[in-house]
PDB file of N, CA and C in Angstrom:
ATOM      1  N   UNK A   1      98.945  12.108   2.552  1.00  0.00           N
ATOM      2  CA  UNK A   1      97.954  13.048   2.096  1.00  0.00           C
ATOM      3  C   UNK A   1      97.381  12.551   0.770  1.00  0.00           C
ATOM      4  N   UNK A   2      96.084  12.644   0.638  1.00  0.00           N
ATOM      5  CA  UNK A   2      95.444  12.177  -0.587  1.00  0.00           C
ATOM      6  C   UNK A   2      95.712  13.167  -1.703  1.00  0.00           C
ATOM      7  N   UNK A   3      96.010  12.626  -2.825  1.00  0.00           N
ATOM      8  CA  UNK A   3      96.270  13.543  -3.924  1.00  0.00           C
ATOM      9  C   UNK A   3      94.964  13.813  -4.670  1.00  0.00           C
ATOM     10  N   UNK A   4      94.753  15.037  -5.056  1.00  0.00           N
ATOM     11  CA  UNK A   4      93.529  15.365  -5.786  1.00  0.00           C
ATOM     12  C   UNK A   4      93.520  14.665  -7.143  1.00  0.00           C
ATOM     13  N   UNK A   5      92.371  14.188  -7.483  1.00  0.00           N
ATOM     14  CA  UNK A   5      92.271  13.488  -8.750  1.00  0.00           C
ATOM     15  C   UNK A   5      90.843  13.524  -9.235  1.00  0.00           C
ATOM     16  N   UNK A   6      90.591  12.872 -10.314  1.00  0.00           N
ATOM     17  CA  UNK A   6      89.227  12.865 -10.826  1.00  0.00           C
ATOM     18  C   UNK A   6      88.302  12.124  -9.855  1.00  0.00           C
ATOM     19  N   UNK A   7      87.074  12.550  -9.849  1.00  0.00           N
ATOM     20  CA  UNK A   7      86.083  11.924  -8.993  1.00  0.00           C
ATOM     21  C   UNK A   7      85.893  10.484  -9.436  1.00  0.00           C
ATOM     22  N   UNK A   8      85.874   9.602  -8.451  1.00  0.00           N
ATOM     23  CA  UNK A   8      85.722   8.195  -8.793  1.00  0.00           C
ATOM     24  C   UNK A   8      84.258   7.897  -9.122  1.00  0.00           C
ATOM     25  N   UNK A   9      84.066   6.820  -9.819  1.00  0.00           N
ATOM     26  CA  UNK A   9      82.716   6.419 -10.212  1.00  0.00           C
ATOM     27  C   UNK A   9      81.865   6.119  -8.984  1.00  0.00           C
ATOM     28  N   UNK A  10      82.457   5.452  -7.997  1.00  0.00           N
ATOM     29  CA  UNK A  10      81.709   5.076  -6.796  1.00  0.00           C
ATOM     30  C   UNK A  10      81.262   6.323  -6.025  1.00  0.00           C
ATOM     31  N   UNK A  11      82.146   7.301  -5.940  1.00  0.00           N
ATOM     32  CA  UNK A  11      81.792   8.525  -5.224  1.00  0.00           C
ATOM     33  C   UNK A  11      80.646   9.233  -5.933  1.00  0.00           C
ATOM     34  N   UNK A  12      80.714   9.295  -7.233  1.00  0.00           N
ATOM     35  CA  UNK A  12      79.645   9.943  -7.999  1.00  0.00           C
ATOM     36  C   UNK A  12      78.314   9.228  -7.776  1.00  0.00           C
ATOM     37  N   UNK A  13      78.336   7.891  -7.758  1.00  0.00           N
ATOM     38  CA  UNK A  13      77.116   7.139  -7.527  1.00  0.00           C
ATOM     39  C   UNK A  13      76.564   7.399  -6.128  1.00  0.00           C
ATOM     40  N   UNK A  14      77.450   7.488  -5.120  1.00  0.00           N
ATOM     41  CA  UNK A  14      77.025   7.804  -3.754  1.00  0.00           C
ATOM     42  C   UNK A  14      76.352   9.168  -3.696  1.00  0.00           C
ATOM     43  N   UNK A  15      76.952  10.147  -4.348  1.00  0.00           N
ATOM     44  CA  UNK A  15      76.384  11.496  -4.351  1.00  0.00           C
ATOM     45  C   UNK A  15      75.017  11.519  -5.025  1.00  0.00           C
ATOM     46  N   UNK A  16      74.876  10.788  -6.098  1.00  0.00           N
ATOM     47  CA  UNK A  16      73.590  10.710  -6.798  1.00  0.00           C
ATOM     48  C   UNK A  16      72.542  10.075  -5.892  1.00  0.00           C
ATOM     49  N   UNK A  17      72.906   8.982  -5.179  1.00  0.00           N
ATOM     50  CA  UNK A  17      71.967   8.343  -4.250  1.00  0.00           C
ATOM     51  C   UNK A  17      71.576   9.288  -3.125  1.00  0.00           C
ATOM     52  N   UNK A  18      72.559  10.036  -2.607  1.00  0.00           N
ATOM     53  CA  UNK A  18      72.263  10.977  -1.528  1.00  0.00           C
ATOM     54  C   UNK A  18      71.276  12.052  -2.000  1.00  0.00           C
ATOM     55  N   UNK A  19      71.504  12.583  -3.195  1.00  0.00           N
ATOM     56  CA  UNK A  19      70.585  13.600  -3.737  1.00  0.00           C
ATOM     57  C   UNK A  19      69.192  13.039  -3.937  1.00  0.00           C
ATOM     58  N   UNK A  20      69.116  11.813  -4.475  1.00  0.00           N
ATOM     59  CA  UNK A  20      67.822  11.183  -4.716  1.00  0.00           C
ATOM     60  C   UNK A  20      67.093  10.933  -3.390  1.00  0.00           C
ATOM     61  N   UNK A  21      67.826  10.443  -2.387  1.00  0.00           N
ATOM     62  CA  UNK A  21      67.225  10.176  -1.085  1.00  0.00           C
ATOM     63  C   UNK A  21      66.740  11.474  -0.447  1.00  0.00           C
ATOM     64  N   UNK A  22      67.530  12.535  -0.547  1.00  0.00           N
ATOM     65  CA  UNK A  22      67.134  13.828   0.003  1.00  0.00           C
ATOM     66  C   UNK A  22      65.848  14.328  -0.666  1.00  0.00           C
ATOM     67  N   UNK A  23      65.770  14.175  -1.986  1.00  0.00           N
ATOM     68  CA  UNK A  23      64.571  14.613  -2.707  1.00  0.00           C
ATOM     69  C   UNK A  23      63.350  13.781  -2.317  1.00  0.00           C
ATOM     70  N   UNK A  24      63.535  12.463  -2.160  1.00  0.00           N
ATOM     71  CA  UNK A  24      62.429  11.603  -1.742  1.00  0.00           C
ATOM     72  C   UNK A  24      61.931  12.004  -0.356  1.00  0.00           C
ATOM     73  N   UNK A  25      62.861  12.350   0.513  1.00  0.00           N
ATOM     74  CA  UNK A  25      62.489  12.767   1.865  1.00  0.00           C
ATOM     75  C   UNK A  25      61.676  14.062   1.818  1.00  0.00           C
ATOM     76  N   UNK A  26      62.105  15.002   1.007  1.00  0.00           N
ATOM     77  CA  UNK A  26      61.355  16.248   0.861  1.00  0.00           C
ATOM     78  C   UNK A  26      59.965  15.987   0.291  1.00  0.00           C
ATOM     79  N   UNK A  27      59.873  15.071  -0.658  1.00  0.00           N
ATOM     80  CA  UNK A  27      58.574  14.724  -1.242  1.00  0.00           C
ATOM     81  C   UNK A  27      57.651  14.102  -0.195  1.00  0.00           C
ATOM     82  N   UNK A  28      58.201  13.201   0.646  1.00  0.00           N
ATOM     83  CA  UNK A  28      57.388  12.585   1.698  1.00  0.00           C
ATOM     84  C   UNK A  28      56.901  13.630   2.693  1.00  0.00           C
ATOM     85  N   UNK A  29      57.765  14.566   3.051  1.00  0.00           N
ATOM     86  CA  UNK A  29      57.365  15.617   3.980  1.00  0.00           C
ATOM     87  C   UNK A  29      56.233  16.457   3.392  1.00  0.00           C
ATOM     88  N   UNK A  30      56.364  16.818   2.126  1.00  0.00           N
ATOM     89  CA  UNK A  30      55.325  17.615   1.470  1.00  0.00           C
ATOM     90  C   UNK A  30      54.013  16.839   1.408  1.00  0.00           C
ATOM     91  N   UNK A  31      54.088  15.546   1.138  1.00  0.00           N
ATOM     92  CA  UNK A  31      52.886  14.716   1.067  1.00  0.00           C
ATOM     93  C   UNK A  31      52.204  14.645   2.427  1.00  0.00           C
ATOM     94  N   UNK A  32      52.988  14.441   3.509  1.00  0.00           N
ATOM     95  CA  UNK A  32      52.408  14.392   4.853  1.00  0.00           C
ATOM     96  C   UNK A  32      51.759  15.723   5.217  1.00  0.00           C
ATOM     97  N   UNK A  33      52.394  16.812   4.844  1.00  0.00           N
ATOM     98  CA  UNK A  33      51.842  18.133   5.146  1.00  0.00           C
ATOM     99  C   UNK A  33      50.507  18.314   4.427  1.00  0.00           C
ATOM    100  N   UNK A  34      50.441  17.895   3.177  1.00  0.00           N
ATOM    101  CA  UNK A  34      49.213  17.991   2.406  1.00  0.00           C
ATOM    102  C   UNK A  34      48.121  17.119   3.025  1.00  0.00           C
ATOM    103  N   UNK A  35      48.476  15.900   3.449  1.00  0.00           N
ATOM    104  CA  UNK A  35      47.494  15.008   4.070  1.00  0.00           C
ATOM    105  C   UNK A  35      46.969  15.593   5.372  1.00  0.00           C
ATOM    106  N   UNK A  36      47.833  16.221   6.158  1.00  0.00           N
ATOM    107  CA  UNK A  36      47.396  16.842   7.408  1.00  0.00           C
ATOM    108  C   UNK A  36      46.427  17.985   7.135  1.00  0.00           C
ATOM    109  N   UNK A  37      46.725  18.796   6.124  1.00  0.00           N
ATOM    110  CA  UNK A  37      45.842  19.902   5.781  1.00  0.00           C
ATOM    111  C   UNK A  37      44.479  19.392   5.326  1.00  0.00           C
ATOM    112  N   UNK A  38      44.479  18.337   4.527  1.00  0.00           N
ATOM    113  CA  UNK A  38      43.220  17.775   4.053  1.00  0.00           C
ATOM    114  C   UNK A  38      42.429  17.166   5.201  1.00  0.00           C
ATOM    115  N   UNK A  39      43.113  16.512   6.134  1.00  0.00           N
ATOM    116  CA  UNK A  39      42.431  15.913   7.277  1.00  0.00           C
ATOM    117  C   UNK A  39      41.820  17.001   8.153  1.00  0.00           C
ATOM    118  N   UNK A  40      42.509  18.115   8.286  1.00  0.00           N
ATOM    119  CA  UNK A  40      41.987  19.212   9.094  1.00  0.00           C
ATOM    120  C   UNK A  40      40.740  19.811   8.442  1.00  0.00           C
ATOM    121  N   UNK A  41      40.717  19.848   7.122  1.00  0.00           N
ATOM    122  CA  UNK A  41      39.556  20.378   6.408  1.00  0.00           C
ATOM    123  C   UNK A  41      38.351  19.451   6.556  1.00  0.00           C
ATOM    124  N   UNK A  42      38.601  18.138   6.620  1.00  0.00           N
ATOM    125  CA  UNK A  42      37.515  17.172   6.688  1.00  0.00           C
ATOM    126  C   UNK A  42      37.006  16.946   8.104  1.00  0.00           C
ATOM    127  N   UNK A  43      37.792  17.342   9.092  1.00  0.00           N
ATOM    128  CA  UNK A  43      37.409  17.123  10.488  1.00  0.00           C
ATOM    129  C   UNK A  43      36.184  17.965  10.823  1.00  0.00           C
ATOM    130  N   UNK A  44      35.247  17.402  11.597  1.00  0.00           N
ATOM    131  CA  UNK A  44      34.071  18.176  11.971  1.00  0.00           C
ATOM    132  C   UNK A  44      34.469  19.362  12.850  1.00  0.00           C
ATOM    133  N   UNK A  45      33.867  20.481  12.550  1.00  0.00           N
ATOM    134  CA  UNK A  45      34.181  21.694  13.281  1.00  0.00           C
ATOM    135  C   UNK A  45      33.036  22.008  14.220  1.00  0.00           C
ATOM    136  N   UNK A  46      33.349  22.149  15.490  1.00  0.00           N
ATOM    137  CA  UNK A  46      32.357  22.505  16.494  1.00  0.00           C
ATOM    138  C   UNK A  46      32.510  23.996  16.757  1.00  0.00           C
ATOM    139  N   UNK A  47      31.529  24.773  16.343  1.00  0.00           N
ATOM    140  CA  UNK A  47      31.633  26.218  16.457  1.00  0.00           C
ATOM    141  C   UNK A  47      31.517  26.710  17.891  1.00  0.00           C
ATOM    142  N   UNK A  48      31.004  25.883  18.788  1.00  0.00           N
ATOM    143  CA  UNK A  48      30.883  26.308  20.172  1.00  0.00           C
ATOM    144  C   UNK A  48      32.226  26.237  20.893  1.00  0.00           C
ATOM    145  N   UNK A  49      33.183  25.533  20.326  1.00  0.00           N
ATOM    146  CA  UNK A  49      34.486  25.416  20.938  1.00  0.00           C
ATOM    147  C   UNK A  49      34.547  24.359  22.016  1.00  0.00           C
ATOM    148  N   UNK A  50      33.476  23.580  22.170  1.00  0.00           N
ATOM    149  CA  UNK A  50      33.424  22.554  23.196  1.00  0.00           C
ATOM    150  C   UNK A  50      33.821  21.219  22.598  1.00  0.00           C
ATOM    151  N   UNK A  51      34.619  20.469  23.341  1.00  0.00           N
ATOM    152  CA  UNK A  51      35.040  19.146  22.901  1.00  0.00           C
ATOM    153  C   UNK A  51      33.834  18.204  22.951  1.00  0.00           C
ATOM    154  N   UNK A  52      33.468  17.570  21.829  1.00  0.00           N
ATOM    155  CA  UNK A  52      32.281  16.714  21.822  1.00  0.00           C
ATOM    156  C   UNK A  52      32.420  15.485  22.722  1.00  0.00           C
ATOM    157  N   UNK A  53      33.651  15.086  23.045  1.00  0.00           N
ATOM    158  CA  UNK A  53      33.845  13.920  23.909  1.00  0.00           C
ATOM    159  C   UNK A  53      33.458  14.198  25.355  1.00  0.00           C
ATOM    160  N   UNK A  54      33.568  15.450  25.761  1.00  0.00           N
ATOM    161  CA  UNK A  54      33.272  15.776  27.162  1.00  0.00           C
ATOM    162  C   UNK A  54      32.112  16.757  27.282  1.00  0.00           C
ATOM    163  N   UNK A  55      31.325  16.886  26.231  1.00  0.00           N
ATOM    164  CA  UNK A  55      30.190  17.801  26.258  1.00  0.00           C
ATOM    165  C   UNK A  55      29.185  17.370  27.322  1.00  0.00           C
ATOM    166  N   UNK A  56      28.743  18.299  28.111  1.00  0.00           N
ATOM    167  CA  UNK A  56      27.724  18.023  29.107  1.00  0.00           C
ATOM    168  C   UNK A  56      28.251  17.513  30.435  1.00  0.00           C
ATOM    169  N   UNK A  57      29.530  17.307  30.552  1.00  0.00           N
ATOM    170  CA  UNK A  57      30.092  16.840  31.817  1.00  0.00           C
ATOM    171  C   UNK A  57      30.281  18.052  32.727  1.00  0.00           C
ATOM    172  N   UNK A  58      29.815  17.920  33.962  1.00  0.00           N
ATOM    173  CA  UNK A  58      29.915  19.008  34.923  1.00  0.00           C
ATOM    174  C   UNK A  58      31.069  18.700  35.867  1.00  0.00           C
ATOM    175  N   UNK A  59      32.033  19.626  36.003  1.00  0.00           N
ATOM    176  CA  UNK A  59      33.131  19.369  36.910  1.00  0.00           C
ATOM    177  C   UNK A  59      32.683  19.488  38.365  1.00  0.00           C
ATOM    178  N   UNK A  60      33.413  18.850  39.232  1.00  0.00           N
ATOM    179  CA  UNK A  60      33.114  18.944  40.656  1.00  0.00           C
ATOM    180  C   UNK A  60      32.428  17.704  41.165  1.00  0.00           C
ATOM    181  N   UNK A  61      31.940  17.778  42.409  1.00  0.00           N
ATOM    182  CA  UNK A  61      31.282  16.610  42.998  1.00  0.00           C
ATOM    183  C   UNK A  61      30.011  16.257  42.224  1.00  0.00           C
ATOM    184  N   UNK A  62      29.813  14.984  42.058  1.00  0.00           N
ATOM    185  CA  UNK A  62      28.641  14.507  41.330  1.00  0.00           C
ATOM    186  C   UNK A  62      27.535  14.197  42.312  1.00  0.00           C
ATOM    187  N   UNK A  63      26.272  14.329  41.876  1.00  0.00           N
ATOM    188  CA  UNK A  63      25.164  14.034  42.780  1.00  0.00           C
ATOM    189  C   UNK A  63      25.158  12.546  43.138  1.00  0.00           C
ATOM    190  N   UNK A  64      24.660  12.261  44.324  1.00  0.00           N
ATOM    191  CA  UNK A  64      24.564  10.885  44.770  1.00  0.00           C
ATOM    192  C   UNK A  64      23.481  10.166  43.963  1.00  0.00           C
ATOM    193  N   UNK A  65      23.694   8.921  43.656  1.00  0.00           N
ATOM    194  CA  UNK A  65      22.664   8.188  42.906  1.00  0.00           C
ATOM    195  C   UNK A  65      21.415   7.994  43.752  1.00  0.00           C
ATOM    196  N   UNK A  66      20.287   8.034  43.096  1.00  0.00           N
ATOM    197  CA  UNK A  66      19.008   7.853  43.779  1.00  0.00           C
ATOM    198  C   UNK A  66      18.690   6.360  43.786  1.00  0.00           C
ATOM    199  N   UNK A  67      18.806   5.717  44.964  1.00  0.00           N
ATOM    200  CA  UNK A  67      18.645   4.282  45.065  1.00  0.00           C
ATOM    201  C   UNK A  67      17.187   3.890  45.353  1.00  0.00           C
ATOM    202  N   UNK A  68      16.310   4.827  45.463  1.00  0.00           N
ATOM    203  CA  UNK A  68      14.915   4.499  45.785  1.00  0.00           C
ATOM    204  C   UNK A  68      14.198   3.857  44.657  1.00  0.00           C
TER     205      UNK A  68
END
């Protein structure tokens, strides 16, 4: 059984690295969230609700091409 004793220097350094890494991860997450919000604000908004990539496409059978 391990006897309780003072915290070793190596353990303290590991804990400090873990805390720093956790904080960096939280900072990166916050930065990505902010970038997503800004990108959403800059994206063009189509008030009609229609996707501009498929605007004007009619579903169903298409007319035959006029070869004359």
